[in-house]
C-alpha cells in the first residue's frame, strides 16, 4: 500500500506570498492616499490651527503612516522568506518519503493536485 499526501507545490506557495505582498503594497498605498486627504489646504497660522495640526500629525498621521509602512515591509519580508524556504520543503519531503519508503512503507507526494 502506498500512502499519498497532497501538499502545495513550493512554486504555488511562493506565488501566493508574492500575491500577498502585492496586495499589502496596494493597501498601504491606499492608506497613504487617504492620509494625504488630511492635509490642510494651507499652512496653519493661528495658534489653534497650529495646535490642531500638530495633534493630528502626532496622534493620527504619524502612527497610521508608520503602521502602513511596517505592514508593507513585513509583507515583503514574509514573501522573501517564503521564496527562500518553500523550495527546501520539497527536498525535505522527498528525502523523508524516501527514508520512510526504505523502511517498508512507501509514500508518494503529490504537489498541487
N, C-alpha and C. Protein backbone atom coordinates (compact mmCIF):
# COMPACT_ATOMS: atom_id res chain seq x y z
N UNK A 1 0.84 -1.19 0.00
CA UNK A 1 0.00 0.00 0.00
C UNK A 1 0.89 1.25 0.00
N UNK A 2 0.50 2.20 -0.81
CA UNK A 2 1.23 3.46 -0.89
C UNK A 2 0.35 4.56 -0.32
N UNK A 3 0.87 5.27 0.69
CA UNK A 3 0.15 6.43 1.22
C UNK A 3 0.43 7.62 0.32
N UNK A 4 -0.62 8.39 0.00
CA UNK A 4 -0.46 9.57 -0.84
C UNK A 4 -0.81 10.81 -0.02
N UNK A 5 0.10 11.77 -0.01
CA UNK A 5 -0.12 13.04 0.67
C UNK A 5 -0.09 14.14 -0.37
N UNK A 6 -1.12 14.95 -0.38
CA UNK A 6 -1.20 16.07 -1.31
C UNK A 6 -0.75 17.33 -0.57
N UNK A 7 0.36 17.90 -1.00
CA UNK A 7 0.85 19.13 -0.39
C UNK A 7 0.99 20.19 -1.47
N UNK A 8 1.03 21.44 -1.04
CA UNK A 8 1.15 22.53 -2.00
C UNK A 8 2.53 22.52 -2.64
N UNK A 9 2.54 22.78 -3.91
CA UNK A 9 3.80 22.89 -4.63
C UNK A 9 4.53 24.14 -4.13
N UNK A 10 5.84 24.05 -3.95
CA UNK A 10 6.59 25.23 -3.49
C UNK A 10 6.39 26.46 -4.38
N UNK A 11 6.23 26.24 -5.68
CA UNK A 11 6.01 27.38 -6.58
C UNK A 11 4.67 28.05 -6.28
N UNK A 12 3.66 27.26 -5.89
CA UNK A 12 2.36 27.83 -5.53
C UNK A 12 2.47 28.65 -4.24
N UNK A 13 3.27 28.17 -3.30
CA UNK A 13 3.46 28.89 -2.04
C UNK A 13 4.13 30.23 -2.32
N UNK A 14 5.15 30.22 -3.15
CA UNK A 14 5.87 31.46 -3.48
C UNK A 14 4.95 32.42 -4.24
N UNK A 15 4.15 31.88 -5.17
CA UNK A 15 3.22 32.74 -5.91
C UNK A 15 2.19 33.37 -4.97
N UNK A 16 1.68 32.59 -4.01
CA UNK A 16 0.73 33.14 -3.04
C UNK A 16 1.38 34.21 -2.18
N UNK A 17 2.63 34.00 -1.79
CA UNK A 17 3.34 35.00 -0.99
C UNK A 17 3.54 36.28 -1.78
N UNK A 18 3.88 36.15 -3.07
CA UNK A 18 4.03 37.34 -3.92
C UNK A 18 2.71 38.08 -4.04
N UNK A 19 1.63 37.32 -4.19
CA UNK A 19 0.31 37.95 -4.28
C UNK A 19 -0.01 38.70 -2.99
N UNK A 20 0.26 38.08 -1.85
CA UNK A 20 0.03 38.73 -0.57
C UNK A 20 0.83 40.02 -0.46
N UNK A 21 2.10 39.98 -0.85
CA UNK A 21 2.94 41.18 -0.77
C UNK A 21 2.42 42.29 -1.68
N UNK A 22 1.95 41.93 -2.87
CA UNK A 22 1.44 42.96 -3.78
C UNK A 22 0.13 43.55 -3.26
N UNK A 23 -0.70 42.71 -2.66
CA UNK A 23 -1.94 43.23 -2.06
C UNK A 23 -1.61 44.15 -0.89
N UNK A 24 -0.64 43.76 -0.06
CA UNK A 24 -0.24 44.59 1.08
C UNK A 24 0.29 45.94 0.60
N UNK A 25 1.08 45.93 -0.47
CA UNK A 25 1.60 47.18 -1.01
C UNK A 25 0.46 48.07 -1.52
N UNK A 26 -0.52 47.45 -2.16
CA UNK A 26 -1.66 48.22 -2.66
C UNK A 26 -2.47 48.82 -1.50
N UNK A 27 -2.67 48.03 -0.46
CA UNK A 27 -3.42 48.53 0.70
C UNK A 27 -2.65 49.67 1.36
N UNK A 28 -1.35 49.49 1.53
CA UNK A 28 -0.53 50.56 2.12
C UNK A 28 -0.62 51.82 1.27
N UNK A 29 -0.59 51.66 -0.05
CA UNK A 29 -0.72 52.82 -0.93
C UNK A 29 -2.05 53.53 -0.75
N UNK A 30 -3.11 52.75 -0.58
CA UNK A 30 -4.43 53.35 -0.35
C UNK A 30 -4.47 54.09 0.98
N UNK A 31 -3.80 53.53 1.99
CA UNK A 31 -3.73 54.20 3.29
C UNK A 31 -3.01 55.54 3.15
N UNK A 32 -1.87 55.53 2.44
CA UNK A 32 -1.13 56.77 2.25
C UNK A 32 -1.96 57.79 1.48
N UNK A 33 -2.71 57.34 0.48
CA UNK A 33 -3.59 58.25 -0.26
C UNK A 33 -4.66 58.85 0.65
N UNK A 34 -5.24 58.00 1.51
CA UNK A 34 -6.26 58.50 2.43
C UNK A 34 -5.68 59.50 3.42
N UNK A 35 -4.48 59.22 3.91
CA UNK A 35 -3.83 60.11 4.87
C UNK A 35 -3.53 61.47 4.24
N UNK A 36 -3.20 61.47 2.96
CA UNK A 36 -2.94 62.74 2.28
C UNK A 36 -4.18 63.63 2.29
N UNK A 37 -5.35 63.02 2.38
CA UNK A 37 -6.59 63.79 2.44
C UNK A 37 -6.73 64.60 3.72
N UNK A 38 -5.91 64.30 4.72
CA UNK A 38 -5.94 65.04 5.98
C UNK A 38 -5.09 66.30 5.93
N UNK A 39 -4.35 66.50 4.85
CA UNK A 39 -3.52 67.70 4.74
C UNK A 39 -4.40 68.94 4.64
N UNK A 40 -3.97 69.96 5.33
CA UNK A 40 -4.70 71.24 5.28
C UNK A 40 -4.44 71.91 3.93
N UNK A 41 -5.42 72.66 3.43
CA UNK A 41 -5.23 73.31 2.13
C UNK A 41 -4.16 74.40 2.17
N UNK A 42 -3.87 74.89 3.36
CA UNK A 42 -2.80 75.89 3.51
C UNK A 42 -2.14 75.69 4.86
N UNK A 43 -1.00 76.27 5.03
CA UNK A 43 -0.25 76.14 6.28
C UNK A 43 -1.03 76.79 7.42
N UNK A 44 -1.13 76.09 8.58
CA UNK A 44 -1.86 76.70 9.70
C UNK A 44 -1.15 77.96 10.19
N UNK A 45 -1.95 78.95 10.56
CA UNK A 45 -1.41 80.24 11.01
C UNK A 45 -1.76 80.51 12.46
N UNK A 46 -3.01 80.35 12.82
CA UNK A 46 -3.43 80.68 14.18
C UNK A 46 -2.88 79.64 15.16
N UNK A 47 -2.73 80.02 16.42
CA UNK A 47 -2.26 79.06 17.42
C UNK A 47 -3.16 77.83 17.53
N UNK A 48 -4.47 78.02 17.40
CA UNK A 48 -5.39 76.89 17.47
C UNK A 48 -5.18 75.94 16.29
N UNK A 49 -5.06 76.51 15.07
CA UNK A 49 -4.82 75.68 13.90
C UNK A 49 -3.47 74.96 14.00
N UNK A 50 -2.46 75.64 14.50
CA UNK A 50 -1.13 75.02 14.66
C UNK A 50 -1.19 73.86 15.66
N UNK A 51 -1.90 74.06 16.76
CA UNK A 51 -2.03 73.00 17.77
C UNK A 51 -2.82 71.82 17.22
N UNK A 52 -3.88 72.11 16.47
CA UNK A 52 -4.69 71.06 15.88
C UNK A 52 -3.87 70.27 14.85
N UNK A 53 -3.11 70.98 14.03
CA UNK A 53 -2.29 70.31 13.03
C UNK A 53 -1.21 69.44 13.70
N UNK A 54 -0.58 69.95 14.75
CA UNK A 54 0.44 69.18 15.46
C UNK A 54 -0.16 67.92 16.09
N UNK A 55 -1.35 68.06 16.67
CA UNK A 55 -2.02 66.91 17.28
C UNK A 55 -2.40 65.88 16.23
N UNK A 56 -2.88 66.36 15.10
CA UNK A 56 -3.25 65.47 14.00
C UNK A 56 -2.02 64.69 13.53
N UNK A 57 -0.91 65.41 13.37
CA UNK A 57 0.33 64.74 12.95
C UNK A 57 0.77 63.69 13.97
N UNK A 58 0.78 64.07 15.24
CA UNK A 58 1.31 63.20 16.29
C UNK A 58 0.41 62.00 16.58
N UNK A 59 -0.91 62.21 16.56
CA UNK A 59 -1.81 61.16 17.02
C UNK A 59 -2.52 60.40 15.92
N UNK A 60 -2.48 60.92 14.70
CA UNK A 60 -3.18 60.24 13.61
C UNK A 60 -2.22 59.89 12.47
N UNK A 61 -1.67 60.91 11.86
CA UNK A 61 -0.91 60.67 10.63
C UNK A 61 0.38 59.88 10.84
N UNK A 62 1.18 60.26 11.80
CA UNK A 62 2.44 59.56 12.03
C UNK A 62 2.22 58.09 12.39
N UNK A 63 1.33 57.77 13.34
CA UNK A 63 1.11 56.35 13.63
C UNK A 63 0.52 55.56 12.45
N UNK A 64 -0.40 56.16 11.72
CA UNK A 64 -1.01 55.46 10.59
C UNK A 64 0.03 55.22 9.49
N UNK A 65 0.81 56.24 9.17
CA UNK A 65 1.85 56.07 8.15
C UNK A 65 2.87 55.02 8.60
N UNK A 66 3.23 55.05 9.87
CA UNK A 66 4.18 54.06 10.39
C UNK A 66 3.64 52.64 10.30
N UNK A 67 2.37 52.48 10.65
CA UNK A 67 1.75 51.16 10.59
C UNK A 67 1.66 50.66 9.14
N UNK A 68 1.30 51.54 8.22
CA UNK A 68 1.21 51.14 6.81
C UNK A 68 2.58 50.77 6.27
N UNK A 69 3.60 51.52 6.62
CA UNK A 69 4.96 51.20 6.19
C UNK A 69 5.42 49.87 6.75
N UNK A 70 5.14 49.63 8.03
CA UNK A 70 5.53 48.36 8.66
C UNK A 70 4.77 47.19 8.03
N UNK A 71 3.50 47.39 7.74
CA UNK A 71 2.69 46.34 7.11
C UNK A 71 3.27 45.96 5.76
N UNK A 72 3.62 46.98 4.98
CA UNK A 72 4.21 46.73 3.66
C UNK A 72 5.55 46.02 3.79
N UNK A 73 6.39 46.49 4.70
CA UNK A 73 7.72 45.89 4.88
C UNK A 73 7.62 44.46 5.39
N UNK A 74 6.73 44.21 6.35
CA UNK A 74 6.57 42.86 6.89
C UNK A 74 6.04 41.90 5.84
N UNK A 75 5.13 42.37 5.01
CA UNK A 75 4.60 41.52 3.94
C UNK A 75 5.68 41.18 2.92
N UNK A 76 6.51 42.15 2.59
CA UNK A 76 7.60 41.89 1.66
C UNK A 76 8.61 40.93 2.26
N UNK A 77 8.90 41.09 3.54
CA UNK A 77 9.84 40.18 4.20
C UNK A 77 9.28 38.77 4.27
N UNK A 78 7.98 38.65 4.52
CA UNK A 78 7.33 37.33 4.53
C UNK A 78 7.42 36.68 3.16
N UNK A 79 7.20 37.46 2.12
CA UNK A 79 7.31 36.96 0.75
C UNK A 79 8.73 36.47 0.47
N UNK A 80 9.72 37.26 0.85
CA UNK A 80 11.11 36.86 0.63
C UNK A 80 11.43 35.56 1.37
N UNK A 81 10.95 35.44 2.60
CA UNK A 81 11.20 34.25 3.40
C UNK A 81 10.52 33.03 2.78
N UNK A 82 9.30 33.20 2.31
CA UNK A 82 8.59 32.08 1.66
C UNK A 82 9.33 31.63 0.41
N UNK A 83 9.82 32.59 -0.37
CA UNK A 83 10.56 32.25 -1.59
C UNK A 83 11.85 31.51 -1.26
N UNK A 84 12.43 31.82 -0.12
CA UNK A 84 13.68 31.17 0.29
C UNK A 84 13.42 29.78 0.85
N UNK A 85 12.36 29.62 1.62
CA UNK A 85 12.13 28.38 2.36
C UNK A 85 11.32 27.35 1.58
N UNK A 86 10.34 27.77 0.82
CA UNK A 86 9.41 26.84 0.17
C UNK A 86 10.12 25.77 -0.67
N UNK A 87 11.11 26.10 -1.49
CA UNK A 87 11.77 25.05 -2.26
C UNK A 87 12.48 24.01 -1.39
N UNK A 88 12.90 24.41 -0.21
CA UNK A 88 13.58 23.48 0.68
C UNK A 88 12.62 22.39 1.15
N UNK A 89 11.34 22.75 1.33
CA UNK A 89 10.37 21.77 1.79
C UNK A 89 10.24 20.60 0.81
N UNK A 90 10.31 20.87 -0.46
CA UNK A 90 10.20 19.78 -1.44
C UNK A 90 11.34 18.79 -1.23
N UNK A 91 12.54 19.30 -1.07
CA UNK A 91 13.69 18.41 -0.86
C UNK A 91 13.52 17.62 0.43
N UNK A 92 13.11 18.30 1.49
CA UNK A 92 12.91 17.62 2.78
C UNK A 92 11.81 16.57 2.66
N UNK A 93 10.70 16.93 2.01
CA UNK A 93 9.60 15.98 1.85
C UNK A 93 10.04 14.76 1.05
N UNK A 94 10.72 14.99 -0.05
CA UNK A 94 11.17 13.88 -0.89
C UNK A 94 12.18 13.00 -0.15
N UNK A 95 13.08 13.62 0.58
CA UNK A 95 14.07 12.87 1.35
C UNK A 95 13.38 12.04 2.44
N UNK A 96 12.44 12.64 3.14
CA UNK A 96 11.71 11.92 4.17
C UNK A 96 10.89 10.77 3.61
N UNK A 97 10.24 11.00 2.48
CA UNK A 97 9.45 9.94 1.86
C UNK A 97 10.33 8.78 1.42
N UNK A 98 11.50 9.10 0.91
CA UNK A 98 12.44 8.06 0.50
C UNK A 98 12.89 7.24 1.71
N UNK A 99 13.22 7.92 2.80
CA UNK A 99 13.66 7.21 4.01
C UNK A 99 12.55 6.33 4.57
N UNK A 100 11.32 6.83 4.59
CA UNK A 100 10.20 6.03 5.09
C UNK A 100 9.94 4.86 4.15
N UNK A 101 10.05 5.13 2.84
CA UNK A 101 9.87 4.06 1.86
C UNK A 101 10.88 2.94 2.02
N UNK A 102 12.11 3.29 2.34
CA UNK A 102 13.15 2.29 2.58
C UNK A 102 12.84 1.46 3.82
N UNK A 103 12.09 2.07 4.74
CA UNK A 103 11.74 1.36 5.97
C UNK A 103 10.53 0.45 5.76
N UNK A 104 9.99 0.40 4.56
CA UNK A 104 8.92 -0.54 4.26
C UNK A 104 7.55 0.07 4.08
N UNK A 105 7.43 1.36 4.16
CA UNK A 105 6.12 2.00 3.99
C UNK A 105 6.25 3.10 2.94
N UNK A 106 6.04 2.79 1.67
CA UNK A 106 6.22 3.81 0.64
C UNK A 106 5.20 4.95 0.74
N UNK A 107 5.70 6.13 0.46
CA UNK A 107 4.86 7.34 0.45
C UNK A 107 5.07 8.05 -0.88
N UNK A 108 3.99 8.48 -1.48
CA UNK A 108 4.09 9.26 -2.71
C UNK A 108 3.53 10.64 -2.42
N UNK A 109 4.34 11.67 -2.68
CA UNK A 109 3.90 13.06 -2.51
C UNK A 109 3.31 13.52 -3.83
N UNK A 110 2.21 14.21 -3.76
CA UNK A 110 1.68 14.86 -4.95
C UNK A 110 1.63 16.34 -4.67
N UNK A 111 2.08 17.12 -5.62
CA UNK A 111 2.17 18.57 -5.43
C UNK A 111 1.10 19.26 -6.23
N UNK A 112 0.26 20.01 -5.52
CA UNK A 112 -0.71 20.90 -6.17
C UNK A 112 -1.78 20.22 -6.97
N UNK A 113 -2.17 19.02 -6.61
CA UNK A 113 -3.24 18.37 -7.36
C UNK A 113 -4.50 18.36 -6.56
